[in-house]
Amino acid sequence: MTRYHFHVDNGTFTPDRDGIDLPDLNAARMEAVRAAGQMIDDSKQSFWEHAKPWVMHVTDGDNHLLFTLEFVAKVPSGNALYIPERDGLQS
């Protein structure tokens, strides 16, 4: 098992000093996504009102950066239309 740390900056930097033991990098990726979803759910309205992305840096026990997740909500300020693109070209 490897110890992984999930450091979060959602306007306030929160280092993960304890970490969690997981079997491999794929498990750490799954845990990062699960934890991010839980943080967004727990934040209630503040996530939707936060202008900057929330960031999660995942490191191993030796503090090597393994990957970073960024998540942000963008809410249009007016009457916006969504026009999907297909194969990189607008239909």
N, C-alpha and C. Protein backbone atom coordinates (compact mmCIF):
# COMPACT_ATOMS: atom_id res chain seq x y z
N MET A 1 0.85 -1.18 0.00
CA MET A 1 0.00 0.00 0.00
C MET A 1 0.89 1.25 0.00
N THR A 2 0.41 2.24 -0.69
CA THR A 2 1.10 3.53 -0.76
C THR A 2 0.23 4.57 -0.06
N ARG A 3 0.86 5.50 0.62
CA ARG A 3 0.12 6.59 1.26
C ARG A 3 0.00 7.74 0.27
N TYR A 4 -1.23 8.21 0.09
CA TYR A 4 -1.53 9.33 -0.81
C TYR A 4 -2.10 10.47 0.03
N HIS A 5 -1.75 11.70 -0.39
CA HIS A 5 -2.23 12.91 0.30
C HIS A 5 -3.02 13.74 -0.70
N PHE A 6 -4.13 14.28 -0.23
CA PHE A 6 -5.05 15.05 -1.07
C PHE A 6 -5.13 16.47 -0.52
N HIS A 7 -4.28 17.35 -1.05
CA HIS A 7 -4.18 18.74 -0.59
C HIS A 7 -5.18 19.58 -1.38
N VAL A 8 -5.97 20.36 -0.67
CA VAL A 8 -7.07 21.09 -1.32
C VAL A 8 -6.92 22.59 -1.13
N ASP A 9 -7.18 23.33 -2.22
CA ASP A 9 -7.27 24.79 -2.15
C ASP A 9 -8.60 25.19 -2.75
N ASN A 10 -9.55 25.52 -1.89
CA ASN A 10 -10.87 25.97 -2.33
C ASN A 10 -11.12 27.40 -1.86
N GLY A 11 -10.07 28.18 -1.92
CA GLY A 11 -10.09 29.54 -1.36
C GLY A 11 -9.32 29.57 -0.06
N THR A 12 -9.25 28.44 0.58
CA THR A 12 -8.43 28.23 1.77
C THR A 12 -7.62 26.96 1.54
N PHE A 13 -6.29 27.06 1.67
CA PHE A 13 -5.45 25.89 1.46
C PHE A 13 -5.54 24.97 2.66
N THR A 14 -5.86 23.70 2.40
CA THR A 14 -5.95 22.70 3.44
C THR A 14 -5.02 21.54 3.10
N PRO A 15 -3.85 21.49 3.73
CA PRO A 15 -2.95 20.37 3.45
C PRO A 15 -3.47 19.10 4.10
N ASP A 16 -3.24 17.99 3.45
CA ASP A 16 -3.62 16.68 3.98
C ASP A 16 -2.38 16.08 4.64
N ARG A 17 -2.25 16.29 5.92
CA ARG A 17 -1.05 15.85 6.64
C ARG A 17 -1.06 14.34 6.91
N ASP A 18 -2.23 13.75 7.01
CA ASP A 18 -2.32 12.33 7.36
C ASP A 18 -2.28 11.42 6.14
N GLY A 19 -3.00 11.78 5.10
CA GLY A 19 -3.08 10.94 3.92
C GLY A 19 -3.89 9.69 4.16
N ILE A 20 -3.92 8.84 3.15
CA ILE A 20 -4.68 7.59 3.22
C ILE A 20 -3.90 6.52 2.44
N ASP A 21 -3.90 5.32 2.97
CA ASP A 21 -3.24 4.20 2.29
C ASP A 21 -4.18 3.62 1.25
N LEU A 22 -3.68 3.54 0.02
CA LEU A 22 -4.45 2.97 -1.09
C LEU A 22 -3.57 2.02 -1.87
N PRO A 23 -4.18 1.06 -2.57
CA PRO A 23 -3.37 0.04 -3.25
C PRO A 23 -2.55 0.53 -4.43
N ASP A 24 -3.04 1.56 -5.15
CA ASP A 24 -2.31 1.98 -6.35
C ASP A 24 -2.80 3.35 -6.82
N LEU A 25 -2.17 3.84 -7.89
CA LEU A 25 -2.49 5.16 -8.43
C LEU A 25 -3.93 5.24 -8.91
N ASN A 26 -4.43 4.18 -9.52
CA ASN A 26 -5.82 4.19 -9.99
C ASN A 26 -6.79 4.36 -8.81
N ALA A 27 -6.52 3.71 -7.71
CA ALA A 27 -7.35 3.88 -6.51
C ALA A 27 -7.27 5.31 -6.00
N ALA A 28 -6.09 5.93 -6.08
CA ALA A 28 -5.94 7.33 -5.66
C ALA A 28 -6.74 8.25 -6.57
N ARG A 29 -6.76 7.96 -7.86
CA ARG A 29 -7.56 8.77 -8.79
C ARG A 29 -9.04 8.66 -8.46
N MET A 30 -9.48 7.44 -8.20
CA MET A 30 -10.90 7.24 -7.86
C MET A 30 -11.25 7.94 -6.56
N GLU A 31 -10.35 7.89 -5.57
CA GLU A 31 -10.59 8.56 -4.29
C GLU A 31 -10.62 10.07 -4.47
N ALA A 32 -9.75 10.62 -5.32
CA ALA A 32 -9.73 12.06 -5.56
C ALA A 32 -11.06 12.53 -6.15
N VAL A 33 -11.58 11.80 -7.11
CA VAL A 33 -12.86 12.17 -7.73
C VAL A 33 -13.99 12.05 -6.70
N ARG A 34 -13.98 10.96 -5.92
CA ARG A 34 -15.01 10.78 -4.90
C ARG A 34 -14.96 11.91 -3.87
N ALA A 35 -13.75 12.23 -3.39
CA ALA A 35 -13.59 13.28 -2.39
C ALA A 35 -13.99 14.65 -2.94
N ALA A 36 -13.63 14.92 -4.19
CA ALA A 36 -14.01 16.20 -4.82
C ALA A 36 -15.53 16.33 -4.89
N GLY A 37 -16.19 15.26 -5.30
CA GLY A 37 -17.66 15.28 -5.36
C GLY A 37 -18.27 15.52 -3.98
N GLN A 38 -17.71 14.89 -2.97
CA GLN A 38 -18.21 15.07 -1.61
C GLN A 38 -17.99 16.49 -1.13
N MET A 39 -16.82 17.07 -1.45
CA MET A 39 -16.54 18.46 -1.07
C MET A 39 -17.53 19.41 -1.72
N ILE A 40 -17.81 19.20 -3.00
CA ILE A 40 -18.76 20.06 -3.70
C ILE A 40 -20.13 19.93 -3.07
N ASP A 41 -20.53 18.70 -2.78
CA ASP A 41 -21.84 18.47 -2.15
C ASP A 41 -21.91 19.12 -0.77
N ASP A 42 -20.84 18.99 0.00
CA ASP A 42 -20.81 19.56 1.35
C ASP A 42 -20.79 21.09 1.34
N SER A 43 -20.28 21.68 0.27
CA SER A 43 -20.12 23.14 0.22
C SER A 43 -21.43 23.88 0.04
N LYS A 44 -22.45 23.15 -0.38
CA LYS A 44 -23.76 23.73 -0.68
C LYS A 44 -23.59 24.84 -1.72
N GLN A 45 -23.99 26.04 -1.43
CA GLN A 45 -24.01 27.12 -2.41
C GLN A 45 -22.65 27.73 -2.68
N SER A 46 -21.71 27.64 -1.76
CA SER A 46 -20.44 28.37 -1.92
C SER A 46 -19.66 27.92 -3.15
N PHE A 47 -19.74 26.65 -3.54
CA PHE A 47 -19.04 26.20 -4.74
C PHE A 47 -19.55 26.95 -5.97
N TRP A 48 -20.83 27.15 -6.05
CA TRP A 48 -21.44 27.80 -7.21
C TRP A 48 -21.15 29.29 -7.25
N GLU A 49 -20.79 29.87 -6.12
CA GLU A 49 -20.51 31.30 -6.05
C GLU A 49 -19.01 31.60 -6.09
N HIS A 50 -18.18 30.58 -6.06
CA HIS A 50 -16.73 30.75 -6.02
C HIS A 50 -16.22 30.99 -7.44
N ALA A 51 -15.54 32.10 -7.66
CA ALA A 51 -15.13 32.48 -9.02
C ALA A 51 -13.89 31.72 -9.50
N LYS A 52 -13.05 31.28 -8.60
CA LYS A 52 -11.81 30.60 -9.00
C LYS A 52 -11.99 29.08 -8.89
N PRO A 53 -11.23 28.35 -9.69
CA PRO A 53 -11.31 26.88 -9.58
C PRO A 53 -10.85 26.39 -8.22
N TRP A 54 -11.48 25.32 -7.78
CA TRP A 54 -10.97 24.59 -6.63
C TRP A 54 -9.91 23.65 -7.16
N VAL A 55 -8.86 23.43 -6.39
CA VAL A 55 -7.73 22.62 -6.84
C VAL A 55 -7.43 21.56 -5.79
N MET A 56 -7.18 20.34 -6.28
CA MET A 56 -6.72 19.26 -5.41
C MET A 56 -5.41 18.73 -5.99
N HIS A 57 -4.35 18.82 -5.20
CA HIS A 57 -3.05 18.28 -5.59
C HIS A 57 -2.88 16.96 -4.84
N VAL A 58 -2.62 15.90 -5.59
CA VAL A 58 -2.44 14.59 -4.98
C VAL A 58 -0.96 14.22 -5.04
N THR A 59 -0.42 13.88 -3.87
CA THR A 59 1.00 13.53 -3.76
C THR A 59 1.14 12.15 -3.12
N ASP A 60 2.33 11.59 -3.28
CA ASP A 60 2.62 10.34 -2.57
C ASP A 60 3.24 10.68 -1.22
N GLY A 61 3.63 9.67 -0.48
CA GLY A 61 4.19 9.87 0.85
C GLY A 61 5.50 10.64 0.87
N ASP A 62 6.19 10.71 -0.28
CA ASP A 62 7.43 11.48 -0.38
C ASP A 62 7.19 12.87 -0.94
N ASN A 63 5.93 13.27 -1.03
CA ASN A 63 5.51 14.59 -1.51
C ASN A 63 5.76 14.80 -3.00
N HIS A 64 5.85 13.72 -3.77
CA HIS A 64 5.92 13.84 -5.23
C HIS A 64 4.52 14.11 -5.76
N LEU A 65 4.38 15.16 -6.57
CA LEU A 65 3.08 15.47 -7.16
C LEU A 65 2.75 14.42 -8.21
N LEU A 66 1.60 13.78 -8.05
CA LEU A 66 1.16 12.72 -8.96
C LEU A 66 0.16 13.24 -9.98
N PHE A 67 -0.78 14.06 -9.53
CA PHE A 67 -1.74 14.69 -10.43
C PHE A 67 -2.48 15.79 -9.69
N THR A 68 -3.14 16.63 -10.47
CA THR A 68 -3.91 17.75 -9.94
C THR A 68 -5.29 17.73 -10.57
N LEU A 69 -6.30 17.93 -9.76
CA LEU A 69 -7.67 18.12 -10.26
C LEU A 69 -8.05 19.58 -10.07
N GLU A 70 -8.72 20.14 -11.06
CA GLU A 70 -9.28 21.49 -10.93
C GLU A 70 -10.76 21.39 -11.27
N PHE A 71 -11.59 22.03 -10.48
CA PHE A 71 -13.00 22.02 -10.78
C PHE A 71 -13.59 23.39 -10.47
N VAL A 72 -14.48 23.82 -11.37
CA VAL A 72 -15.06 25.15 -11.26
C VAL A 72 -16.46 25.12 -11.86
N ALA A 73 -17.34 25.90 -11.31
CA ALA A 73 -18.67 26.08 -11.88
C ALA A 73 -18.70 27.41 -12.62
N LYS A 74 -19.19 27.39 -13.83
CA LYS A 74 -19.34 28.62 -14.60
C LYS A 74 -20.81 28.79 -14.92
N VAL A 75 -21.36 29.87 -14.42
CA VAL A 75 -22.77 30.15 -14.61
C VAL A 75 -22.88 31.37 -15.52
N PRO A 76 -23.60 31.24 -16.65
CA PRO A 76 -23.71 32.39 -17.55
C PRO A 76 -24.41 33.56 -16.87
N SER A 77 -23.99 34.76 -17.25
CA SER A 77 -24.55 35.95 -16.62
C SER A 77 -25.79 36.47 -17.35
N GLY A 78 -26.14 35.87 -18.45
CA GLY A 78 -27.31 36.33 -19.20
C GLY A 78 -27.98 35.14 -19.87
N ASN A 79 -28.73 35.46 -20.90
CA ASN A 79 -29.44 34.43 -21.65
C ASN A 79 -28.46 33.77 -22.62
N ALA A 80 -27.94 32.61 -22.25
CA ALA A 80 -26.93 31.93 -23.05
C ALA A 80 -27.53 30.69 -23.70
N LEU A 81 -27.13 30.45 -24.91
CA LEU A 81 -27.54 29.23 -25.62
C LEU A 81 -26.38 28.27 -25.67
N TYR A 82 -26.68 27.01 -25.56
CA TYR A 82 -25.67 25.98 -25.72
C TYR A 82 -25.85 25.39 -27.11
N ILE A 83 -24.81 25.51 -27.92
CA ILE A 83 -24.83 24.97 -29.28
C ILE A 83 -23.71 23.95 -29.35
N PRO A 84 -24.06 22.66 -29.31
CA PRO A 84 -23.01 21.64 -29.31
C PRO A 84 -22.25 21.62 -30.63
N GLU A 85 -20.98 21.27 -30.51
CA GLU A 85 -20.14 21.13 -31.70
C GLU A 85 -19.98 19.64 -31.98
N ARG A 86 -19.84 19.32 -33.24
CA ARG A 86 -19.65 17.92 -33.64
C ARG A 86 -18.36 17.84 -34.44
N ASP A 87 -17.48 16.94 -34.03
CA ASP A 87 -16.19 16.76 -34.69
C ASP A 87 -15.40 18.07 -34.78
N GLY A 88 -15.56 18.93 -33.75
CA GLY A 88 -14.82 20.17 -33.73
C GLY A 88 -15.39 21.26 -34.63
N LEU A 89 -16.45 20.96 -35.35
CA LEU A 89 -17.08 21.94 -36.24
C LEU A 89 -18.50 22.18 -35.79
N GLN A 90 -18.93 23.43 -35.83
CA GLN A 90 -20.31 23.72 -35.49
C GLN A 90 -21.21 23.19 -36.59
N SER A 91 -22.38 22.65 -36.16
CA SER A 91 -23.34 22.16 -37.15
C SER A 91 -24.17 23.28 -37.72
